[in-house]
Amino acid sequence: MELLVVIAILGVLAALIASATARGRVAAHRAACASNLRQIGIALSLYANEHGGRFPETTHSNNAAKSWIYTLAPYLGNLDEARICPADPRGAERLKNGGTSYTLNSFVFNSGGFDADGNRLPAYNTVLALPRPAQTILAFIVAESKSRLSADHTHSDAWTGWATLLADIEPDRHRLGSRDQSRTNGSANYLYADGHVENIDAAKVKALADAGENIARIP
C-alpha cells in the first residue's frame, strides 16, 4: 500500500513538472518572438529614417533579395535569428528557403493606389502618415499554411471574419499543446508602429473579428 502511495505521488509530481516545463517553454518562445518583433520594429524605424520616412516595399517575389526582411538586414544584428519565431513549427523550413515567420500589414505597406472608380486611396507607408502609431499594427505572425517566401504581407482588406484572418496570420501561435478547433487556445505577438509589441489572446482577436472589426485597419 505504501509503495502504491509513493508511486501515485511520483506520478503526480511528474505530471506537475511536465506541465511546468511546457509552460516555461511556451513563455520562453513567446518572449523570444516578442524580442524578434521589437528588433524588426527598430529596423523599420531606422530604414524609414534613412529613406525619407518611407517603409520598405513588400513583394510577391520568391527572390529573397527582394523581400522586406532582407531589405532590413543591414539594421538587424542576427538576421536568421530575428526572422524566425522559435515557436514556428515550420521555422527550419523557412530558414532554409529564405522565408520569415512574420508578415507585414498590407493596409500600411501596400497602401495607396486607386480604387475601382479611379480615385487615389490614402497611402500609409510612411511614418508620418499613420495617425495613431500606438494603435496601428505593422507586423503579425504569419499563418502556418503560408510556406512560400512570397507571403511577406497580409491581404487584410479581404478579412471579412475569423476564417479569412486565419488564412493570413497565426493568432494562436503561442499555446500549450495542439490547437483546438476554434483556434482560440493560445495567443500571438503583434508589432505596433510606435515600436511596442503586444501579446493578445486569440479569443480576443476572434471576438473582434466576429464583431466585424478588422484589427489590421488603420485606426
C-alpha atoms as a PDB file:
ATOM      1  CA  MET A   1       0.000   0.000   0.000  1.00  0.00           C
ATOM      2  CA  GLU A   2       2.799   2.408   0.924  1.00  0.00           C
ATOM      3  CA  LEU A   3       4.523   1.617  -2.372  1.00  0.00           C
ATOM      4  CA  LEU A   4       1.349   2.400  -4.288  1.00  0.00           C
ATOM      5  CA  VAL A   5       1.053   5.730  -2.472  1.00  0.00           C
ATOM      6  CA  VAL A   6       4.664   6.597  -3.317  1.00  0.00           C
ATOM      7  CA  ILE A   7       4.104   5.673  -6.980  1.00  0.00           C
ATOM      8  CA  ALA A   8       0.966   7.809  -7.102  1.00  0.00           C
ATOM      9  CA  ILE A   9       2.790  10.784  -5.573  1.00  0.00           C
ATOM     10  CA  LEU A  10       5.657  10.391  -8.025  1.00  0.00           C
ATOM     11  CA  GLY A  11       3.164  10.277 -10.890  1.00  0.00           C
ATOM     12  CA  VAL A  12       1.532  13.498  -9.742  1.00  0.00           C
ATOM     13  CA  LEU A  13       4.920  15.181  -9.314  1.00  0.00           C
ATOM     14  CA  ALA A  14       5.999  14.053 -12.791  1.00  0.00           C
ATOM     15  CA  ALA A  15       2.809  15.474 -14.296  1.00  0.00           C
ATOM     16  CA  LEU A  16       3.292  18.784 -12.480  1.00  0.00           C
ATOM     17  CA  ILE A  17       6.927  19.014 -13.611  1.00  0.00           C
ATOM     18  CA  ALA A  18       5.985  18.217 -17.223  1.00  0.00           C
ATOM     19  CA  SER A  19       3.261  20.870 -17.170  1.00  0.00           C
ATOM     20  CA  ALA A  20       5.593  23.472 -15.659  1.00  0.00           C
ATOM     21  CA  THR A  21       8.269  22.643 -18.240  1.00  0.00           C
ATOM     22  CA  ALA A  22       5.808  23.005 -21.108  1.00  0.00           C
ATOM     23  CA  ARG A  23       4.517  26.317 -19.761  1.00  0.00           C
ATOM     24  CA  GLY A  24       8.089  27.549 -19.338  1.00  0.00           C
ATOM     25  CA  ARG A  25       8.897  26.612 -22.933  1.00  0.00           C
ATOM     26  CA  VAL A  26       5.838  28.460 -24.246  1.00  0.00           C
ATOM     27  CA  ALA A  27       6.739  31.549 -22.194  1.00  0.00           C
ATOM     28  CA  ALA A  28      10.343  31.461 -23.418  1.00  0.00           C
ATOM     29  CA  HIS A  29       9.282  31.153 -27.056  1.00  0.00           C
ATOM     30  CA  ARG A  30       6.757  33.961 -26.645  1.00  0.00           C
ATOM     31  CA  ALA A  31       9.418  36.235 -25.145  1.00  0.00           C
ATOM     32  CA  ALA A  32      11.960  35.409 -27.866  1.00  0.00           C
ATOM     33  CA  CYS A  33       9.345  36.046 -30.565  1.00  0.00           C
ATOM     34  CA  ALA A  34       8.472  39.410 -28.991  1.00  0.00           C
ATOM     35  CA  SER A  35      12.163  40.294 -28.967  1.00  0.00           C
ATOM     36  CA  ASN A  36      12.386  39.472 -32.687  1.00  0.00           C
ATOM     37  CA  LEU A  37       9.451  41.738 -33.440  1.00  0.00           C
ATOM     38  CA  ARG A  38      10.927  44.590 -31.398  1.00  0.00           C
ATOM     39  CA  GLN A  39      14.154  44.264 -33.391  1.00  0.00           C
ATOM     40  CA  ILE A  40      12.143  44.336 -36.611  1.00  0.00           C
ATOM     41  CA  GLY A  41      10.325  47.432 -35.351  1.00  0.00           C
ATOM     42  CA  ILE A  42      13.629  49.185 -34.666  1.00  0.00           C
ATOM     43  CA  ALA A  43      14.931  48.141 -38.093  1.00  0.00           C
ATOM     44  CA  LEU A  44      11.809  49.511 -39.786  1.00  0.00           C
ATOM     45  CA  SER A  45      12.282  52.805 -37.973  1.00  0.00           C
ATOM     46  CA  LEU A  46      15.973  53.025 -38.913  1.00  0.00           C
ATOM     47  CA  TYR A  47      15.185  52.196 -42.537  1.00  0.00           C
ATOM     48  CA  ALA A  48      12.466  54.854 -42.648  1.00  0.00           C
ATOM     49  CA  ASN A  49      14.805  57.456 -41.133  1.00  0.00           C
ATOM     50  CA  GLU A  50      17.241  56.860 -43.984  1.00  0.00           C
ATOM     51  CA  HIS A  51      14.615  56.764 -46.748  1.00  0.00           C
ATOM     52  CA  GLY A  52      12.578  59.910 -46.312  1.00  0.00           C
ATOM     53  CA  GLY A  53      10.237  58.386 -43.754  1.00  0.00           C
ATOM     54  CA  ARG A  54       9.098  55.587 -46.093  1.00  0.00           C
ATOM     55  CA  PHE A  55       8.820  51.973 -45.010  1.00  0.00           C
ATOM     56  CA  PRO A  56      10.331  49.221 -47.209  1.00  0.00           C
ATOM     57  CA  GLU A  57       8.249  47.740 -50.000  1.00  0.00           C
ATOM     58  CA  THR A  58       6.815  44.226 -49.956  1.00  0.00           C
ATOM     59  CA  THR A  59       6.624  41.861 -52.884  1.00  0.00           C
ATOM     60  CA  HIS A  60       5.133  38.594 -54.089  1.00  0.00           C
ATOM     61  CA  SER A  61       8.519  37.582 -55.439  1.00  0.00           C
ATOM     62  CA  ASN A  62      10.193  34.363 -54.304  1.00  0.00           C
ATOM     63  CA  ASN A  63      13.555  36.091 -54.674  1.00  0.00           C
ATOM     64  CA  ALA A  64      14.879  36.502 -51.132  1.00  0.00           C
ATOM     65  CA  ALA A  65      16.829  39.602 -52.120  1.00  0.00           C
ATOM     66  CA  LYS A  66      13.528  41.416 -52.788  1.00  0.00           C
ATOM     67  CA  SER A  67      11.826  40.516 -49.518  1.00  0.00           C
ATOM     68  CA  TRP A  68      11.385  43.245 -46.885  1.00  0.00           C
ATOM     69  CA  ILE A  69      13.147  41.157 -44.227  1.00  0.00           C
ATOM     70  CA  TYR A  70      16.313  41.210 -46.343  1.00  0.00           C
ATOM     71  CA  THR A  71      15.879  44.907 -47.045  1.00  0.00           C
ATOM     72  CA  LEU A  72      16.106  45.314 -43.281  1.00  0.00           C
ATOM     73  CA  ALA A  73      19.146  43.018 -42.957  1.00  0.00           C
ATOM     74  CA  PRO A  74      21.655  45.900 -42.508  1.00  0.00           C
ATOM     75  CA  TYR A  75      19.637  47.080 -39.491  1.00  0.00           C
ATOM     76  CA  LEU A  76      19.259  43.666 -37.825  1.00  0.00           C
ATOM     77  CA  GLY A  77      22.016  42.142 -35.722  1.00  0.00           C
ATOM     78  CA  ASN A  78      21.334  38.482 -36.465  1.00  0.00           C
ATOM     79  CA  LEU A  79      19.037  38.219 -39.480  1.00  0.00           C
ATOM     80  CA  ASP A  80      18.438  34.467 -39.290  1.00  0.00           C
ATOM     81  CA  GLU A  81      17.559  34.648 -35.606  1.00  0.00           C
ATOM     82  CA  ALA A  82      15.309  37.684 -35.983  1.00  0.00           C
ATOM     83  CA  ARG A  83      13.315  36.352 -38.929  1.00  0.00           C
ATOM     84  CA  ILE A  84      12.246  33.038 -37.345  1.00  0.00           C
ATOM     85  CA  CYS A  85       9.830  32.670 -34.418  1.00  0.00           C
ATOM     86  CA  PRO A  86      11.144  29.861 -32.157  1.00  0.00           C
ATOM     87  CA  ALA A  87       7.585  28.533 -31.783  1.00  0.00           C
ATOM     88  CA  ASP A  88       7.101  28.252 -35.554  1.00  0.00           C
ATOM     89  CA  PRO A  89       6.893  24.522 -36.459  1.00  0.00           C
ATOM     90  CA  ARG A  90       7.975  25.461 -39.994  1.00  0.00           C
ATOM     91  CA  GLY A  91      10.875  27.543 -38.736  1.00  0.00           C
ATOM     92  CA  ALA A  92      13.584  25.248 -40.097  1.00  0.00           C
ATOM     93  CA  GLU A  93      11.863  25.161 -43.484  1.00  0.00           C
ATOM     94  CA  ARG A  94      11.535  28.944 -43.602  1.00  0.00           C
ATOM     95  CA  LEU A  95      15.146  29.333 -42.532  1.00  0.00           C
ATOM     96  CA  LYS A  96      16.245  27.112 -45.387  1.00  0.00           C
ATOM     97  CA  ASN A  97      14.084  28.687 -48.105  1.00  0.00           C
ATOM     98  CA  GLY A  98      14.816  32.264 -47.057  1.00  0.00           C
ATOM     99  CA  GLY A  99      11.416  32.946 -45.527  1.00  0.00           C
ATOM    100  CA  THR A 100      10.303  34.501 -42.263  1.00  0.00           C
ATOM    101  CA  SER A 101       7.779  33.755 -39.529  1.00  0.00           C
ATOM    102  CA  TYR A 102       6.462  37.309 -39.747  1.00  0.00           C
ATOM    103  CA  THR A 103       4.293  39.140 -42.254  1.00  0.00           C
ATOM    104  CA  LEU A 104       3.594  42.844 -42.760  1.00  0.00           C
ATOM    105  CA  ASN A 105       0.236  44.619 -42.652  1.00  0.00           C
ATOM    106  CA  SER A 106      -0.911  45.329 -46.196  1.00  0.00           C
ATOM    107  CA  PHE A 107      -3.004  48.287 -45.014  1.00  0.00           C
ATOM    108  CA  VAL A 108       0.299  50.020 -44.233  1.00  0.00           C
ATOM    109  CA  PHE A 109       2.874  48.571 -46.607  1.00  0.00           C
ATOM    110  CA  ASN A 110       0.667  48.118 -49.680  1.00  0.00           C
ATOM    111  CA  SER A 111      -1.487  51.200 -49.279  1.00  0.00           C
ATOM    112  CA  GLY A 112      -2.088  53.927 -51.839  1.00  0.00           C
ATOM    113  CA  GLY A 113      -3.009  53.234 -55.433  1.00  0.00           C
ATOM    114  CA  PHE A 114      -6.516  53.713 -56.803  1.00  0.00           C
ATOM    115  CA  ASP A 115      -9.987  52.359 -56.099  1.00  0.00           C
ATOM    116  CA  ALA A 116     -12.390  50.901 -58.686  1.00  0.00           C
ATOM    117  CA  ASP A 117     -13.557  54.412 -59.615  1.00  0.00           C
ATOM    118  CA  GLY A 118     -10.054  55.680 -60.230  1.00  0.00           C
ATOM    119  CA  ASN A 119      -9.853  57.689 -57.025  1.00  0.00           C
ATOM    120  CA  ARG A 120      -6.487  57.705 -55.276  1.00  0.00           C
ATOM    121  CA  LEU A 121      -6.522  55.831 -51.990  1.00  0.00           C
ATOM    122  CA  PRO A 122      -4.736  57.111 -48.864  1.00  0.00           C
ATOM    123  CA  ALA A 123      -1.112  55.996 -48.508  1.00  0.00           C
ATOM    124  CA  TYR A 124       0.069  54.969 -45.040  1.00  0.00           C
ATOM    125  CA  ASN A 125       3.508  53.620 -45.949  1.00  0.00           C
ATOM    126  CA  THR A 126       5.354  56.486 -44.280  1.00  0.00           C
ATOM    127  CA  VAL A 127       5.927  57.106 -40.588  1.00  0.00           C
ATOM    128  CA  LEU A 128       4.163  60.480 -40.532  1.00  0.00           C
ATOM    129  CA  ALA A 129       1.104  59.180 -42.420  1.00  0.00           C
ATOM    130  CA  LEU A 130      -0.012  56.996 -39.502  1.00  0.00           C
ATOM    131  CA  PRO A 131      -2.457  58.958 -37.313  1.00  0.00           C
ATOM    132  CA  ARG A 132      -2.260  56.607 -34.298  1.00  0.00           C
ATOM    133  CA  PRO A 133       1.038  54.670 -34.313  1.00  0.00           C
ATOM    134  CA  ALA A 134       0.412  53.102 -30.893  1.00  0.00           C
ATOM    135  CA  GLN A 135      -2.794  51.529 -32.255  1.00  0.00           C
ATOM    136  CA  THR A 136      -1.546  50.546 -35.715  1.00  0.00           C
ATOM    137  CA  ILE A 137      -0.243  47.023 -36.256  1.00  0.00           C
ATOM    138  CA  LEU A 138       2.779  46.747 -38.552  1.00  0.00           C
ATOM    139  CA  ALA A 139       3.593  43.041 -38.354  1.00  0.00           C
ATOM    140  CA  PHE A 140       1.888  39.762 -37.498  1.00  0.00           C
ATOM    141  CA  ILE A 141       2.992  36.152 -37.092  1.00  0.00           C
ATOM    142  CA  VAL A 142       2.383  34.584 -40.499  1.00  0.00           C
ATOM    143  CA  ALA A 143      -0.087  31.728 -40.895  1.00  0.00           C
ATOM    144  CA  GLU A 144       1.422  28.271 -40.637  1.00  0.00           C
ATOM    145  CA  SER A 145      -0.138  27.434 -44.013  1.00  0.00           C
ATOM    146  CA  LYS A 146       1.916  30.172 -45.689  1.00  0.00           C
ATOM    147  CA  SER A 147       5.152  28.423 -46.539  1.00  0.00           C
ATOM    148  CA  ARG A 148       6.263  30.445 -49.554  1.00  0.00           C
ATOM    149  CA  LEU A 149       8.663  33.356 -49.279  1.00  0.00           C
ATOM    150  CA  SER A 150       6.254  35.443 -51.348  1.00  0.00           C
ATOM    151  CA  ALA A 151       3.750  35.549 -48.447  1.00  0.00           C
ATOM    152  CA  ASP A 152       5.537  38.551 -46.984  1.00  0.00           C
ATOM    153  CA  HIS A 153       2.436  40.685 -46.459  1.00  0.00           C
ATOM    154  CA  THR A 154      -1.176  40.092 -45.485  1.00  0.00           C
ATOM    155  CA  HIS A 155      -4.256  40.683 -47.602  1.00  0.00           C
ATOM    156  CA  SER A 156      -6.006  42.462 -44.770  1.00  0.00           C
ATOM    157  CA  ASP A 157      -8.595  44.149 -46.959  1.00  0.00           C
ATOM    158  CA  ALA A 158     -10.060  40.670 -47.573  1.00  0.00           C
ATOM    159  CA  TRP A 159     -10.507  39.902 -43.869  1.00  0.00           C
ATOM    160  CA  THR A 160     -14.259  39.574 -43.543  1.00  0.00           C
ATOM    161  CA  GLY A 161     -14.195  37.401 -40.435  1.00  0.00           C
ATOM    162  CA  TRP A 162     -12.243  34.826 -38.466  1.00  0.00           C
ATOM    163  CA  ALA A 163     -11.726  32.335 -41.313  1.00  0.00           C
ATOM    164  CA  THR A 164     -10.246  34.875 -43.724  1.00  0.00           C
ATOM    165  CA  LEU A 165      -7.999  36.278 -40.985  1.00  0.00           C
ATOM    166  CA  LEU A 166      -6.670  32.776 -40.279  1.00  0.00           C
ATOM    167  CA  ALA A 167      -5.659  32.474 -43.933  1.00  0.00           C
ATOM    168  CA  ASP A 168      -3.001  35.151 -43.346  1.00  0.00           C
ATOM    169  CA  ILE A 169      -1.912  35.110 -39.708  1.00  0.00           C
ATOM    170  CA  GLU A 170      -1.491  32.748 -36.751  1.00  0.00           C
ATOM    171  CA  PRO A 171      -3.302  34.288 -33.747  1.00  0.00           C
ATOM    172  CA  ASP A 172      -2.808  31.152 -31.626  1.00  0.00           C
ATOM    173  CA  ARG A 173       0.915  30.609 -32.293  1.00  0.00           C
ATOM    174  CA  HIS A 174       1.883  30.562 -28.580  1.00  0.00           C
ATOM    175  CA  ARG A 175      -0.108  27.842 -26.837  1.00  0.00           C
ATOM    176  CA  LEU A 176       0.108  24.720 -24.703  1.00  0.00           C
ATOM    177  CA  GLY A 177      -0.457  21.558 -26.712  1.00  0.00           C
ATOM    178  CA  SER A 178      -2.102  21.304 -30.106  1.00  0.00           C
ATOM    179  CA  ARG A 179      -4.542  23.866 -31.459  1.00  0.00           C
ATOM    180  CA  ASP A 180      -8.242  23.425 -30.780  1.00  0.00           C
ATOM    181  CA  GLN A 181     -10.940  23.524 -33.449  1.00  0.00           C
ATOM    182  CA  SER A 182     -11.909  27.120 -32.660  1.00  0.00           C
ATOM    183  CA  ARG A 183      -8.255  28.268 -32.854  1.00  0.00           C
ATOM    184  CA  THR A 184      -8.655  30.257 -29.619  1.00  0.00           C
ATOM    185  CA  ASN A 185      -6.459  28.308 -27.157  1.00  0.00           C
ATOM    186  CA  GLY A 186      -3.397  30.480 -27.497  1.00  0.00           C
ATOM    187  CA  SER A 187      -2.060  33.939 -28.244  1.00  0.00           C
ATOM    188  CA  ALA A 188       0.237  35.800 -30.622  1.00  0.00           C
ATOM    189  CA  ASN A 189       2.583  38.777 -30.610  1.00  0.00           C
ATOM    190  CA  TYR A 190       1.852  41.914 -32.637  1.00  0.00           C
ATOM    191  CA  LEU A 191       4.259  44.709 -33.567  1.00  0.00           C
ATOM    192  CA  TYR A 192       2.820  48.231 -33.455  1.00  0.00           C
ATOM    193  CA  ALA A 193       4.026  51.295 -35.328  1.00  0.00           C
ATOM    194  CA  ASP A 194       5.327  53.008 -32.194  1.00  0.00           C
ATOM    195  CA  GLY A 195       7.682  50.037 -31.664  1.00  0.00           C
ATOM    196  CA  HIS A 196       5.908  48.242 -28.842  1.00  0.00           C
ATOM    197  CA  VAL A 197       4.845  44.593 -29.018  1.00  0.00           C
ATOM    198  CA  GLU A 198       1.647  43.216 -27.525  1.00  0.00           C
ATOM    199  CA  ASN A 199       0.716  39.622 -26.824  1.00  0.00           C
ATOM    200  CA  ILE A 200      -3.020  39.221 -27.456  1.00  0.00           C
ATOM    201  CA  ASP A 201      -5.167  36.174 -26.749  1.00  0.00           C
ATOM    202  CA  ALA A 202      -6.609  34.534 -29.850  1.00  0.00           C
ATOM    203  CA  ALA A 203     -10.042  34.501 -28.193  1.00  0.00           C
ATOM    204  CA  LYS A 204      -9.992  38.309 -28.054  1.00  0.00           C
ATOM    205  CA  VAL A 205      -8.939  38.596 -31.703  1.00  0.00           C
ATOM    206  CA  LYS A 206     -11.736  36.201 -32.701  1.00  0.00           C
ATOM    207  CA  ALA A 207     -14.298  38.192 -30.720  1.00  0.00           C
ATOM    208  CA  LEU A 208     -13.256  41.349 -32.581  1.00  0.00           C
ATOM    209  CA  ALA A 209     -13.353  39.570 -35.943  1.00  0.00           C
ATOM    210  CA  ASP A 210     -16.781  38.099 -35.185  1.00  0.00           C
ATOM    211  CA  ALA A 211     -17.990  41.614 -34.330  1.00  0.00           C
ATOM    212  CA  GLY A 212     -16.842  42.853 -37.737  1.00  0.00           C
ATOM    213  CA  GLU A 213     -13.728  44.673 -36.518  1.00  0.00           C
ATOM    214  CA  ASN A 214     -10.611  44.307 -38.685  1.00  0.00           C
ATOM    215  CA  ILE A 215      -7.597  44.616 -36.384  1.00  0.00           C
ATOM    216  CA  ALA A 216      -5.322  45.413 -39.327  1.00  0.00           C
ATOM    217  CA  ARG A 217      -7.174  48.578 -40.400  1.00  0.00           C
ATOM    218  CA  ILE A 218      -5.601  51.982 -39.844  1.00  0.00           C
ATOM    219  CA  PRO A 219      -7.349  53.492 -36.774  1.00  0.00           C
END
